[in-house]
Amino acid sequence: MVNIVGFTSRLKKVMDFHQITASMFADKVGVQRSSISHILSGRNKPSLDFILKVTSEFSDVDIYWLLHGNGSFPKNTENTSTSTPPVFESKSSDEKKIERIVVFYADGTFEEYLK
């Protein structure tokens, strides 16, 4: 689960780094300005589509850093193809296992990975 306070703080850091306002950020990412306002105020949680738009538009934003604060910003562009995502350990004795992962692309195609 994403900590919304941490997420909004990291989102503001991206805007400050690129020296753009929330309105400019919304236009650049391709969402309504009110969406940014609602996310920054904590009223709404970010959707997966929103997060993917941010990481697609801003290549220096790592998705793991944006969501969980893991890693660094701006993203180290060296060795990005060899870097591995952080491992999140389950703290519950009722460990859930992943059976399927589906990746949706902007062109409408998708890939499905099964266990």
PDB file of N, CA and C in Angstrom:
ATOM      1  N   MET A   1       0.840  -1.181   0.000  1.00  0.00           N
ATOM      2  CA  MET A   1       0.000   0.000   0.000  1.00  0.00           C
ATOM      3  C   MET A   1       0.884   1.243   0.000  1.00  0.00           C
ATOM      4  N   VAL A   2       0.461   2.216  -0.743  1.00  0.00           N
ATOM      5  CA  VAL A   2       1.225   3.453  -0.888  1.00  0.00           C
ATOM      6  C   VAL A   2       0.883   4.403   0.249  1.00  0.00           C
ATOM      7  N   ASN A   3       1.905   4.960   0.879  1.00  0.00           N
ATOM      8  CA  ASN A   3       1.728   5.983   1.892  1.00  0.00           C
ATOM      9  C   ASN A   3       1.457   7.285   1.144  1.00  0.00           C
ATOM     10  N   ILE A   4       0.232   7.780   1.207  1.00  0.00           N
ATOM     11  CA  ILE A   4      -0.178   8.932   0.405  1.00  0.00           C
ATOM     12  C   ILE A   4       0.589  10.203   0.776  1.00  0.00           C
ATOM     13  N   VAL A   5       0.940  10.347   2.046  1.00  0.00           N
ATOM     14  CA  VAL A   5       1.695  11.533   2.466  1.00  0.00           C
ATOM     15  C   VAL A   5       3.090  11.505   1.841  1.00  0.00           C
ATOM     16  N   GLY A   6       3.738  10.349   1.888  1.00  0.00           N
ATOM     17  CA  GLY A   6       5.054  10.208   1.274  1.00  0.00           C
ATOM     18  C   GLY A   6       4.988  10.369  -0.238  1.00  0.00           C
ATOM     19  N   PHE A   7       3.939   9.805  -0.843  1.00  0.00           N
ATOM     20  CA  PHE A   7       3.773   9.903  -2.293  1.00  0.00           C
ATOM     21  C   PHE A   7       3.640  11.358  -2.716  1.00  0.00           C
ATOM     22  N   THR A   8       2.780  12.115  -2.037  1.00  0.00           N
ATOM     23  CA  THR A   8       2.592  13.518  -2.424  1.00  0.00           C
ATOM     24  C   THR A   8       3.868  14.322  -2.214  1.00  0.00           C
ATOM     25  N   SER A   9       4.609  13.987  -1.172  1.00  0.00           N
ATOM     26  CA  SER A   9       5.880  14.666  -0.928  1.00  0.00           C
ATOM     27  C   SER A   9       6.852  14.405  -2.075  1.00  0.00           C
ATOM     28  N   ARG A  10       6.906  13.165  -2.542  1.00  0.00           N
ATOM     29  CA  ARG A  10       7.800  12.829  -3.654  1.00  0.00           C
ATOM     30  C   ARG A  10       7.318  13.475  -4.959  1.00  0.00           C
ATOM     31  N   LEU A  11       6.017  13.546  -5.148  1.00  0.00           N
ATOM     32  CA  LEU A  11       5.467  14.192  -6.339  1.00  0.00           C
ATOM     33  C   LEU A  11       5.834  15.679  -6.353  1.00  0.00           C
ATOM     34  N   LYS A  12       5.742  16.328  -5.202  1.00  0.00           N
ATOM     35  CA  LYS A  12       6.132  17.741  -5.091  1.00  0.00           C
ATOM     36  C   LYS A  12       7.621  17.909  -5.362  1.00  0.00           C
ATOM     37  N   LYS A  13       8.413  16.931  -4.936  1.00  0.00           N
ATOM     38  CA  LYS A  13       9.857  16.983  -5.178  1.00  0.00           C
ATOM     39  C   LYS A  13      10.151  16.933  -6.680  1.00  0.00           C
ATOM     40  N   VAL A  14       9.403  16.129  -7.408  1.00  0.00           N
ATOM     41  CA  VAL A  14       9.570  16.056  -8.865  1.00  0.00           C
ATOM     42  C   VAL A  14       9.234  17.412  -9.489  1.00  0.00           C
ATOM     43  N   MET A  15       8.121  18.016  -9.059  1.00  0.00           N
ATOM     44  CA  MET A  15       7.726  19.321  -9.607  1.00  0.00           C
ATOM     45  C   MET A  15       8.759  20.389  -9.275  1.00  0.00           C
ATOM     46  N   ASP A  16       9.268  20.382  -8.046  1.00  0.00           N
ATOM     47  CA  ASP A  16      10.285  21.363  -7.658  1.00  0.00           C
ATOM     48  C   ASP A  16      11.571  21.173  -8.469  1.00  0.00           C
ATOM     49  N   PHE A  17      11.965  19.914  -8.646  1.00  0.00           N
ATOM     50  CA  PHE A  17      13.184  19.607  -9.390  1.00  0.00           C
ATOM     51  C   PHE A  17      13.087  20.123 -10.822  1.00  0.00           C
ATOM     52  N   HIS A  18      11.933  19.949 -11.447  1.00  0.00           N
ATOM     53  CA  HIS A  18      11.735  20.377 -12.834  1.00  0.00           C
ATOM     54  C   HIS A  18      11.244  21.817 -12.931  1.00  0.00           C
ATOM     55  N   GLN A  19      11.078  22.466 -11.793  1.00  0.00           N
ATOM     56  CA  GLN A  19      10.650  23.860 -11.695  1.00  0.00           C
ATOM     57  C   GLN A  19       9.360  24.113 -12.468  1.00  0.00           C
ATOM     58  N   ILE A  20       8.344  23.280 -12.172  1.00  0.00           N
ATOM     59  CA  ILE A  20       7.038  23.447 -12.807  1.00  0.00           C
ATOM     60  C   ILE A  20       5.952  23.484 -11.740  1.00  0.00           C
ATOM     61  N   THR A  21       4.891  24.168 -12.065  1.00  0.00           N
ATOM     62  CA  THR A  21       3.756  24.258 -11.161  1.00  0.00           C
ATOM     63  C   THR A  21       2.893  23.000 -11.298  1.00  0.00           C
ATOM     64  N   ALA A  22       1.936  22.873 -10.401  1.00  0.00           N
ATOM     65  CA  ALA A  22       1.015  21.737 -10.460  1.00  0.00           C
ATOM     66  C   ALA A  22       0.225  21.754 -11.769  1.00  0.00           C
ATOM     67  N   SER A  23      -0.168  22.929 -12.219  1.00  0.00           N
ATOM     68  CA  SER A  23      -0.905  23.053 -13.481  1.00  0.00           C
ATOM     69  C   SER A  23      -0.045  22.626 -14.668  1.00  0.00           C
ATOM     70  N   MET A  24       1.194  23.063 -14.678  1.00  0.00           N
ATOM     71  CA  MET A  24       2.107  22.674 -15.750  1.00  0.00           C
ATOM     72  C   MET A  24       2.371  21.170 -15.714  1.00  0.00           C
ATOM     73  N   PHE A  25       2.487  20.640 -14.514  1.00  0.00           N
ATOM     74  CA  PHE A  25       2.712  19.208 -14.349  1.00  0.00           C
ATOM     75  C   PHE A  25       1.532  18.424 -14.917  1.00  0.00           C
ATOM     76  N   ALA A  26       0.317  18.858 -14.590  1.00  0.00           N
ATOM     77  CA  ALA A  26      -0.888  18.189 -15.091  1.00  0.00           C
ATOM     78  C   ALA A  26      -0.916  18.201 -16.619  1.00  0.00           C
ATOM     79  N   ASP A  27      -0.615  19.341 -17.203  1.00  0.00           N
ATOM     80  CA  ASP A  27      -0.605  19.455 -18.663  1.00  0.00           C
ATOM     81  C   ASP A  27       0.447  18.543 -19.282  1.00  0.00           C
ATOM     82  N   LYS A  28       1.617  18.504 -18.665  1.00  0.00           N
ATOM     83  CA  LYS A  28       2.715  17.691 -19.188  1.00  0.00           C
ATOM     84  C   LYS A  28       2.396  16.196 -19.104  1.00  0.00           C
ATOM     85  N   VAL A  29       1.765  15.782 -18.010  1.00  0.00           N
ATOM     86  CA  VAL A  29       1.437  14.367 -17.804  1.00  0.00           C
ATOM     87  C   VAL A  29       0.184  13.979 -18.586  1.00  0.00           C
ATOM     88  N   GLY A  30      -0.680  14.951 -18.847  1.00  0.00           N
ATOM     89  CA  GLY A  30      -1.891  14.682 -19.615  1.00  0.00           C
ATOM     90  C   GLY A  30      -3.088  14.311 -18.762  1.00  0.00           C
ATOM     91  N   VAL A  31      -3.199  14.963 -17.602  1.00  0.00           N
ATOM     92  CA  VAL A  31      -4.365  14.749 -16.736  1.00  0.00           C
ATOM     93  C   VAL A  31      -4.987  16.105 -16.426  1.00  0.00           C
ATOM     94  N   GLN A  32      -6.194  16.062 -15.900  1.00  0.00           N
ATOM     95  CA  GLN A  32      -6.859  17.312 -15.541  1.00  0.00           C
ATOM     96  C   GLN A  32      -6.135  17.969 -14.374  1.00  0.00           C
ATOM     97  N   ARG A  33      -6.149  19.273 -14.364  1.00  0.00           N
ATOM     98  CA  ARG A  33      -5.479  20.010 -13.295  1.00  0.00           C
ATOM     99  C   ARG A  33      -6.094  19.709 -11.935  1.00  0.00           C
ATOM    100  N   SER A  34      -7.390  19.483 -11.915  1.00  0.00           N
ATOM    101  CA  SER A  34      -8.050  19.158 -10.646  1.00  0.00           C
ATOM    102  C   SER A  34      -7.563  17.818 -10.095  1.00  0.00           C
ATOM    103  N   SER A  35      -7.177  16.903 -10.973  1.00  0.00           N
ATOM    104  CA  SER A  35      -6.655  15.601 -10.527  1.00  0.00           C
ATOM    105  C   SER A  35      -5.389  15.782  -9.704  1.00  0.00           C
ATOM    106  N   ILE A  36      -4.503  16.636 -10.188  1.00  0.00           N
ATOM    107  CA  ILE A  36      -3.257  16.906  -9.459  1.00  0.00           C
ATOM    108  C   ILE A  36      -3.568  17.558  -8.119  1.00  0.00           C
ATOM    109  N   SER A  37      -4.464  18.521  -8.145  1.00  0.00           N
ATOM    110  CA  SER A  37      -4.849  19.207  -6.920  1.00  0.00           C
ATOM    111  C   SER A  37      -5.403  18.229  -5.887  1.00  0.00           C
ATOM    112  N   HIS A  38      -6.262  17.326  -6.324  1.00  0.00           N
ATOM    113  CA  HIS A  38      -6.871  16.349  -5.410  1.00  0.00           C
ATOM    114  C   HIS A  38      -5.843  15.358  -4.875  1.00  0.00           C
ATOM    115  N   ILE A  39      -4.897  14.964  -5.695  1.00  0.00           N
ATOM    116  CA  ILE A  39      -3.852  14.048  -5.235  1.00  0.00           C
ATOM    117  C   ILE A  39      -2.934  14.752  -4.241  1.00  0.00           C
ATOM    118  N   LEU A  40      -2.523  15.980  -4.553  1.00  0.00           N
ATOM    119  CA  LEU A  40      -1.619  16.716  -3.672  1.00  0.00           C
ATOM    120  C   LEU A  40      -2.273  17.057  -2.332  1.00  0.00           C
ATOM    121  N   SER A  41      -3.579  17.240  -2.330  1.00  0.00           N
ATOM    122  CA  SER A  41      -4.275  17.556  -1.078  1.00  0.00           C
ATOM    123  C   SER A  41      -4.603  16.310  -0.266  1.00  0.00           C
ATOM    124  N   GLY A  42      -4.427  15.142  -0.873  1.00  0.00           N
ATOM    125  CA  GLY A  42      -4.738  13.895  -0.177  1.00  0.00           C
ATOM    126  C   GLY A  42      -6.182  13.467  -0.328  1.00  0.00           C
ATOM    127  N   ARG A  43      -6.950  14.222  -1.082  1.00  0.00           N
ATOM    128  CA  ARG A  43      -8.363  13.892  -1.282  1.00  0.00           C
ATOM    129  C   ARG A  43      -8.521  12.601  -2.091  1.00  0.00           C
ATOM    130  N   ASN A  44      -7.711  12.463  -3.148  1.00  0.00           N
ATOM    131  CA  ASN A  44      -7.751  11.271  -4.004  1.00  0.00           C
ATOM    132  C   ASN A  44      -6.406  10.568  -3.972  1.00  0.00           C
ATOM    133  N   LYS A  45      -6.449   9.263  -4.167  1.00  0.00           N
ATOM    134  CA  LYS A  45      -5.224   8.478  -4.296  1.00  0.00           C
ATOM    135  C   LYS A  45      -4.882   8.381  -5.778  1.00  0.00           C
ATOM    136  N   PRO A  46      -3.600   8.275  -6.097  1.00  0.00           N
ATOM    137  CA  PRO A  46      -3.208   8.201  -7.509  1.00  0.00           C
ATOM    138  C   PRO A  46      -3.603   6.852  -8.113  1.00  0.00           C
ATOM    139  N   SER A  47      -4.032   6.880  -9.346  1.00  0.00           N
ATOM    140  CA  SER A  47      -4.368   5.641 -10.055  1.00  0.00           C
ATOM    141  C   SER A  47      -3.095   5.077 -10.683  1.00  0.00           C
ATOM    142  N   LEU A  48      -3.161   3.828 -11.072  1.00  0.00           N
ATOM    143  CA  LEU A  48      -2.028   3.213 -11.772  1.00  0.00           C
ATOM    144  C   LEU A  48      -1.757   3.958 -13.073  1.00  0.00           C
ATOM    145  N   ASP A  49      -2.815   4.348 -13.757  1.00  0.00           N
ATOM    146  CA  ASP A  49      -2.663   5.096 -15.008  1.00  0.00           C
ATOM    147  C   ASP A  49      -1.897   6.397 -14.764  1.00  0.00           C
ATOM    148  N   PHE A  50      -2.221   7.100 -13.699  1.00  0.00           N
ATOM    149  CA  PHE A  50      -1.540   8.347 -13.363  1.00  0.00           C
ATOM    150  C   PHE A  50      -0.059   8.094 -13.099  1.00  0.00           C
ATOM    151  N   ILE A  51       0.239   7.081 -12.313  1.00  0.00           N
ATOM    152  CA  ILE A  51       1.625   6.767 -11.969  1.00  0.00           C
ATOM    153  C   ILE A  51       2.421   6.415 -13.222  1.00  0.00           C
ATOM    154  N   LEU A  52       1.818   5.635 -14.104  1.00  0.00           N
ATOM    155  CA  LEU A  52       2.502   5.267 -15.350  1.00  0.00           C
ATOM    156  C   LEU A  52       2.720   6.472 -16.249  1.00  0.00           C
ATOM    157  N   LYS A  53       1.766   7.415 -16.265  1.00  0.00           N
ATOM    158  CA  LYS A  53       1.944   8.637 -17.053  1.00  0.00           C
ATOM    159  C   LYS A  53       3.106   9.464 -16.514  1.00  0.00           C
ATOM    160  N   VAL A  54       3.215   9.550 -15.191  1.00  0.00           N
ATOM    161  CA  VAL A  54       4.301  10.323 -14.579  1.00  0.00           C
ATOM    162  C   VAL A  54       5.647   9.701 -14.930  1.00  0.00           C
ATOM    163  N   THR A  55       5.777   8.380 -14.750  1.00  0.00           N
ATOM    164  CA  THR A  55       7.061   7.735 -15.006  1.00  0.00           C
ATOM    165  C   THR A  55       7.392   7.675 -16.497  1.00  0.00           C
ATOM    166  N   SER A  56       6.369   7.732 -17.352  1.00  0.00           N
ATOM    167  CA  SER A  56       6.625   7.774 -18.794  1.00  0.00           C
ATOM    168  C   SER A  56       7.082   9.161 -19.232  1.00  0.00           C
ATOM    169  N   GLU A  57       6.461  10.183 -18.701  1.00  0.00           N
ATOM    170  CA  GLU A  57       6.790  11.556 -19.089  1.00  0.00           C
ATOM    171  C   GLU A  57       8.109  12.027 -18.479  1.00  0.00           C
ATOM    172  N   PHE A  58       8.379  11.595 -17.256  1.00  0.00           N
ATOM    173  CA  PHE A  58       9.598  12.003 -16.554  1.00  0.00           C
ATOM    174  C   PHE A  58      10.499  10.782 -16.406  1.00  0.00           C
ATOM    175  N   SER A  59      11.434  10.640 -17.325  1.00  0.00           N
ATOM    176  CA  SER A  59      12.291   9.454 -17.343  1.00  0.00           C
ATOM    177  C   SER A  59      13.229   9.381 -16.139  1.00  0.00           C
ATOM    178  N   ASP A  60      13.380  10.484 -15.426  1.00  0.00           N
ATOM    179  CA  ASP A  60      14.253  10.471 -14.251  1.00  0.00           C
ATOM    180  C   ASP A  60      13.520  10.032 -12.980  1.00  0.00           C
ATOM    181  N   VAL A  61      12.228   9.692 -13.096  1.00  0.00           N
ATOM    182  CA  VAL A  61      11.444   9.245 -11.944  1.00  0.00           C
ATOM    183  C   VAL A  61      11.337   7.725 -11.979  1.00  0.00           C
ATOM    184  N   ASP A  62      11.860   7.091 -10.949  1.00  0.00           N
ATOM    185  CA  ASP A  62      11.779   5.643 -10.816  1.00  0.00           C
ATOM    186  C   ASP A  62      10.458   5.288 -10.144  1.00  0.00           C
ATOM    187  N   ILE A  63       9.747   4.318 -10.681  1.00  0.00           N
ATOM    188  CA  ILE A  63       8.425   3.969 -10.155  1.00  0.00           C
ATOM    189  C   ILE A  63       8.491   3.487  -8.707  1.00  0.00           C
ATOM    190  N   TYR A  64       9.545   2.761  -8.345  1.00  0.00           N
ATOM    191  CA  TYR A  64       9.677   2.275  -6.970  1.00  0.00           C
ATOM    192  C   TYR A  64       9.929   3.431  -6.011  1.00  0.00           C
ATOM    193  N   TRP A  65      10.703   4.414  -6.472  1.00  0.00           N
ATOM    194  CA  TRP A  65      10.938   5.592  -5.634  1.00  0.00           C
ATOM    195  C   TRP A  65       9.638   6.376  -5.472  1.00  0.00           C
ATOM    196  N   LEU A  66       8.912   6.580  -6.563  1.00  0.00           N
ATOM    197  CA  LEU A  66       7.678   7.354  -6.510  1.00  0.00           C
ATOM    198  C   LEU A  66       6.655   6.702  -5.588  1.00  0.00           C
ATOM    199  N   LEU A  67       6.506   5.392  -5.682  1.00  0.00           N
ATOM    200  CA  LEU A  67       5.501   4.693  -4.889  1.00  0.00           C
ATOM    201  C   LEU A  67       5.912   4.479  -3.441  1.00  0.00           C
ATOM    202  N   HIS A  68       7.164   4.083  -3.222  1.00  0.00           N
ATOM    203  CA  HIS A  68       7.556   3.655  -1.876  1.00  0.00           C
ATOM    204  C   HIS A  68       8.750   4.393  -1.281  1.00  0.00           C
ATOM    205  N   GLY A  69       9.387   5.250  -2.066  1.00  0.00           N
ATOM    206  CA  GLY A  69      10.553   5.962  -1.559  1.00  0.00           C
ATOM    207  C   GLY A  69      11.839   5.152  -1.653  1.00  0.00           C
ATOM    208  N   ASN A  70      11.782   3.986  -2.287  1.00  0.00           N
ATOM    209  CA  ASN A  70      12.978   3.149  -2.449  1.00  0.00           C
ATOM    210  C   ASN A  70      13.770   3.634  -3.656  1.00  0.00           C
ATOM    211  N   GLY A  71      15.077   3.718  -3.497  1.00  0.00           N
ATOM    212  CA  GLY A  71      15.902   4.202  -4.586  1.00  0.00           C
ATOM    213  C   GLY A  71      16.196   5.674  -4.416  1.00  0.00           C
ATOM    214  N   SER A  72      16.437   6.335  -5.534  1.00  0.00           N
ATOM    215  CA  SER A  72      16.801   7.751  -5.456  1.00  0.00           C
ATOM    216  C   SER A  72      16.126   8.524  -6.579  1.00  0.00           C
ATOM    217  N   PHE A  73      16.110   9.829  -6.390  1.00  0.00           N
ATOM    218  CA  PHE A  73      15.604  10.735  -7.413  1.00  0.00           C
ATOM    219  C   PHE A  73      16.616  11.854  -7.556  1.00  0.00           C
ATOM    220  N   PRO A  74      16.979  12.252  -8.754  1.00  0.00           N
ATOM    221  CA  PRO A  74      16.587  11.657 -10.022  1.00  0.00           C
ATOM    222  C   PRO A  74      17.215  10.281 -10.189  1.00  0.00           C
ATOM    223  N   LYS A  75      16.531   9.478 -10.975  1.00  0.00           N
ATOM    224  CA  LYS A  75      16.947   8.099 -11.197  1.00  0.00           C
ATOM    225  C   LYS A  75      18.307   8.072 -11.858  1.00  0.00           C
ATOM    226  N   ASN A  76      19.137   7.171 -11.407  1.00  0.00           N
ATOM    227  CA  ASN A  76      20.450   6.978 -12.015  1.00  0.00           C
ATOM    228  C   ASN A  76      20.230   6.322 -13.366  1.00  0.00           C
ATOM    229  N   THR A  77      20.538   7.033 -14.447  1.00  0.00           N
ATOM    230  CA  THR A  77      20.278   6.499 -15.785  1.00  0.00           C
ATOM    231  C   THR A  77      21.285   5.432 -16.177  1.00  0.00           C
ATOM    232  N   GLU A  78      22.396   5.348 -15.475  1.00  0.00           N
ATOM    233  CA  GLU A  78      23.359   4.291 -15.755  1.00  0.00           C
ATOM    234  C   GLU A  78      22.881   3.006 -15.093  1.00  0.00           C
ATOM    235  N   ASN A  79      23.078   1.909 -15.771  1.00  0.00           N
ATOM    236  CA  ASN A  79      22.751   0.583 -15.250  1.00  0.00           C
ATOM    237  C   ASN A  79      21.280   0.383 -14.963  1.00  0.00           C
ATOM    238  N   THR A  80      20.391   1.129 -15.591  1.00  0.00           N
ATOM    239  CA  THR A  80      18.978   0.934 -15.329  1.00  0.00           C
ATOM    240  C   THR A  80      18.490  -0.404 -15.853  1.00  0.00           C
ATOM    241  N   SER A  81      19.109  -0.912 -16.916  1.00  0.00           N
ATOM    242  CA  SER A  81      18.677  -2.187 -17.457  1.00  0.00           C
ATOM    243  C   SER A  81      19.151  -3.352 -16.602  1.00  0.00           C
ATOM    244  N   THR A  82      20.182  -3.147 -15.788  1.00  0.00           N
ATOM    245  CA  THR A  82      20.686  -4.231 -14.970  1.00  0.00           C
ATOM    246  C   THR A  82      20.237  -4.117 -13.521  1.00  0.00           C
ATOM    247  N   SER A  83      19.597  -3.009 -13.180  1.00  0.00           N
ATOM    248  CA  SER A  83      19.162  -2.866 -11.798  1.00  0.00           C
ATOM    249  C   SER A  83      17.962  -3.752 -11.535  1.00  0.00           C
ATOM    250  N   THR A  84      17.874  -4.221 -10.317  1.00  0.00           N
ATOM    251  CA  THR A  84      16.755  -5.076  -9.951  1.00  0.00           C
ATOM    252  C   THR A  84      15.853  -4.323  -8.988  1.00  0.00           C
ATOM    253  N   PRO A  85      14.557  -4.570  -9.077  1.00  0.00           N
ATOM    254  CA  PRO A  85      13.644  -3.888  -8.170  1.00  0.00           C
ATOM    255  C   PRO A  85      13.843  -4.386  -6.747  1.00  0.00           C
ATOM    256  N   PRO A  86      13.468  -3.574  -5.760  1.00  0.00           N
ATOM    257  CA  PRO A  86      13.617  -4.000  -4.380  1.00  0.00           C
ATOM    258  C   PRO A  86      12.710  -5.187  -4.080  1.00  0.00           C
ATOM    259  N   VAL A  87      13.148  -6.000  -3.146  1.00  0.00           N
ATOM    260  CA  VAL A  87      12.356  -7.154  -2.750  1.00  0.00           C
ATOM    261  C   VAL A  87      11.560  -6.765  -1.520  1.00  0.00           C
ATOM    262  N   PHE A  88      10.261  -6.954  -1.590  1.00  0.00           N
ATOM    263  CA  PHE A  88       9.397  -6.653  -0.471  1.00  0.00           C
ATOM    264  C   PHE A  88       9.029  -7.958   0.205  1.00  0.00           C
ATOM    265  N   GLU A  89       9.348  -8.068   1.478  1.00  0.00           N
ATOM    266  CA  GLU A  89       9.054  -9.296   2.196  1.00  0.00           C
ATOM    267  C   GLU A  89       7.699  -9.186   2.864  1.00  0.00           C
ATOM    268  N   SER A  90       6.993 -10.309   2.868  1.00  0.00           N
ATOM    269  CA  SER A  90       5.694 -10.365   3.519  1.00  0.00           C
ATOM    270  C   SER A  90       5.903 -10.471   5.024  1.00  0.00           C
ATOM    271  N   LYS A  91       5.184  -9.670   5.789  1.00  0.00           N
ATOM    272  CA  LYS A  91       5.295  -9.710   7.235  1.00  0.00           C
ATOM    273  C   LYS A  91       4.189 -10.552   7.842  1.00  0.00           C
ATOM    274  N   SER A  92       3.348 -11.105   6.990  1.00  0.00           N
ATOM    275  CA  SER A  92       2.223 -11.898   7.455  1.00  0.00           C
ATOM    276  C   SER A  92       2.554 -13.371   7.323  1.00  0.00           C
ATOM    277  N   SER A  93       2.008 -14.167   8.248  1.00  0.00           N
ATOM    278  CA  SER A  93       2.208 -15.609   8.150  1.00  0.00           C
ATOM    279  C   SER A  93       1.329 -16.190   7.047  1.00  0.00           C
ATOM    280  N   ASP A  94       0.312 -15.451   6.620  1.00  0.00           N
ATOM    281  CA  ASP A  94      -0.560 -15.867   5.527  1.00  0.00           C
ATOM    282  C   ASP A  94      -0.022 -15.279   4.235  1.00  0.00           C
ATOM    283  N   GLU A  95       1.177 -15.699   3.859  1.00  0.00           N
ATOM    284  CA  GLU A  95       1.844 -15.138   2.695  1.00  0.00           C
ATOM    285  C   GLU A  95       1.049 -15.392   1.430  1.00  0.00           C
ATOM    286  N   LYS A  96       0.856 -14.341   0.662  1.00  0.00           N
ATOM    287  CA  LYS A  96       0.152 -14.450  -0.614  1.00  0.00           C
ATOM    288  C   LYS A  96       1.172 -14.676  -1.706  1.00  0.00           C
ATOM    289  N   LYS A  97       0.835 -15.510  -2.643  1.00  0.00           N
ATOM    290  CA  LYS A  97       1.724 -15.827  -3.759  1.00  0.00           C
ATOM    291  C   LYS A  97       1.151 -15.216  -5.033  1.00  0.00           C
ATOM    292  N   ILE A  98       2.018 -14.692  -5.863  1.00  0.00           N
ATOM    293  CA  ILE A  98       1.605 -14.110  -7.138  1.00  0.00           C
ATOM    294  C   ILE A  98       1.379 -15.233  -8.136  1.00  0.00           C
ATOM    295  N   GLU A  99       0.226 -15.217  -8.771  1.00  0.00           N
ATOM    296  CA  GLU A  99      -0.091 -16.208  -9.790  1.00  0.00           C
ATOM    297  C   GLU A  99       0.035 -15.646 -11.192  1.00  0.00           C
ATOM    298  N   ARG A 100      -0.294 -14.351 -11.351  1.00  0.00           N
ATOM    299  CA  ARG A 100      -0.330 -13.768 -12.682  1.00  0.00           C
ATOM    300  C   ARG A 100      -0.015 -12.283 -12.598  1.00  0.00           C
ATOM    301  N   ILE A 101       0.753 -11.807 -13.570  1.00  0.00           N
ATOM    302  CA  ILE A 101       1.039 -10.382 -13.701  1.00  0.00           C
ATOM    303  C   ILE A 101       0.669  -9.992 -15.126  1.00  0.00           C
ATOM    304  N   VAL A 102      -0.091  -8.910 -15.261  1.00  0.00           N
ATOM    305  CA  VAL A 102      -0.471  -8.420 -16.578  1.00  0.00           C
ATOM    306  C   VAL A 102       0.074  -7.003 -16.725  1.00  0.00           C
ATOM    307  N   VAL A 103       0.809  -6.765 -17.820  1.00  0.00           N
ATOM    308  CA  VAL A 103       1.377  -5.449 -18.099  1.00  0.00           C
ATOM    309  C   VAL A 103       0.635  -4.874 -19.301  1.00  0.00           C
ATOM    310  N   PHE A 104       0.032  -3.699 -19.109  1.00  0.00           N
ATOM    311  CA  PHE A 104      -0.695  -3.031 -20.180  1.00  0.00           C
ATOM    312  C   PHE A 104       0.168  -1.914 -20.745  1.00  0.00           C
ATOM    313  N   TYR A 105       0.243  -1.852 -22.082  1.00  0.00           N
ATOM    314  CA  TYR A 105       1.035  -0.830 -22.759  1.00  0.00           C
ATOM    315  C   TYR A 105       0.122   0.260 -23.327  1.00  0.00           C
ATOM    316  N   ALA A 106       0.684   1.426 -23.559  1.00  0.00           N
ATOM    317  CA  ALA A 106      -0.075   2.577 -24.044  1.00  0.00           C
ATOM    318  C   ALA A 106      -0.701   2.332 -25.414  1.00  0.00           C
ATOM    319  N   ASP A 107      -0.128   1.427 -26.194  1.00  0.00           N
ATOM    320  CA  ASP A 107      -0.678   1.169 -27.526  1.00  0.00           C
ATOM    321  C   ASP A 107      -1.853   0.184 -27.504  1.00  0.00           C
ATOM    322  N   GLY A 108      -2.304  -0.193 -26.312  1.00  0.00           N
ATOM    323  CA  GLY A 108      -3.453  -1.076 -26.177  1.00  0.00           C
ATOM    324  C   GLY A 108      -3.099  -2.550 -26.092  1.00  0.00           C
ATOM    325  N   THR A 109      -1.832  -2.896 -26.253  1.00  0.00           N
ATOM    326  CA  THR A 109      -1.430  -4.289 -26.145  1.00  0.00           C
ATOM    327  C   THR A 109      -1.106  -4.611 -24.693  1.00  0.00           C
ATOM    328  N   PHE A 110      -0.956  -5.902 -24.421  1.00  0.00           N
ATOM    329  CA  PHE A 110      -0.593  -6.305 -23.075  1.00  0.00           C
ATOM    330  C   PHE A 110       0.212  -7.595 -23.113  1.00  0.00           C
ATOM    331  N   GLU A 111       0.896  -7.862 -22.027  1.00  0.00           N
ATOM    332  CA  GLU A 111       1.620  -9.109 -21.844  1.00  0.00           C
ATOM    333  C   GLU A 111       1.182  -9.702 -20.529  1.00  0.00           C
ATOM    334  N   GLU A 112       1.059 -11.016 -20.505  1.00  0.00           N
ATOM    335  CA  GLU A 112       0.628 -11.711 -19.306  1.00  0.00           C
ATOM    336  C   GLU A 112       1.708 -12.701 -18.900  1.00  0.00           C
ATOM    337  N   TYR A 113       2.065 -12.662 -17.637  1.00  0.00           N
ATOM    338  CA  TYR A 113       3.068 -13.573 -17.106  1.00  0.00           C
ATOM    339  C   TYR A 113       2.392 -14.452 -16.057  1.00  0.00           C
ATOM    340  N   LEU A 114       2.470 -15.752 -16.277  1.00  0.00           N
ATOM    341  CA  LEU A 114       1.849 -16.711 -15.370  1.00  0.00           C
ATOM    342  C   LEU A 114       2.908 -17.384 -14.529  1.00  0.00           C
ATOM    343  N   LYS A 115       2.503 -17.854 -13.385  1.00  0.00           N
ATOM    344  CA  LYS A 115       3.385 -18.542 -12.448  1.00  0.00           C
ATOM    345  C   LYS A 115       3.988 -19.753 -13.071  1.00  0.00           C
TER     346      LYS A 115
END
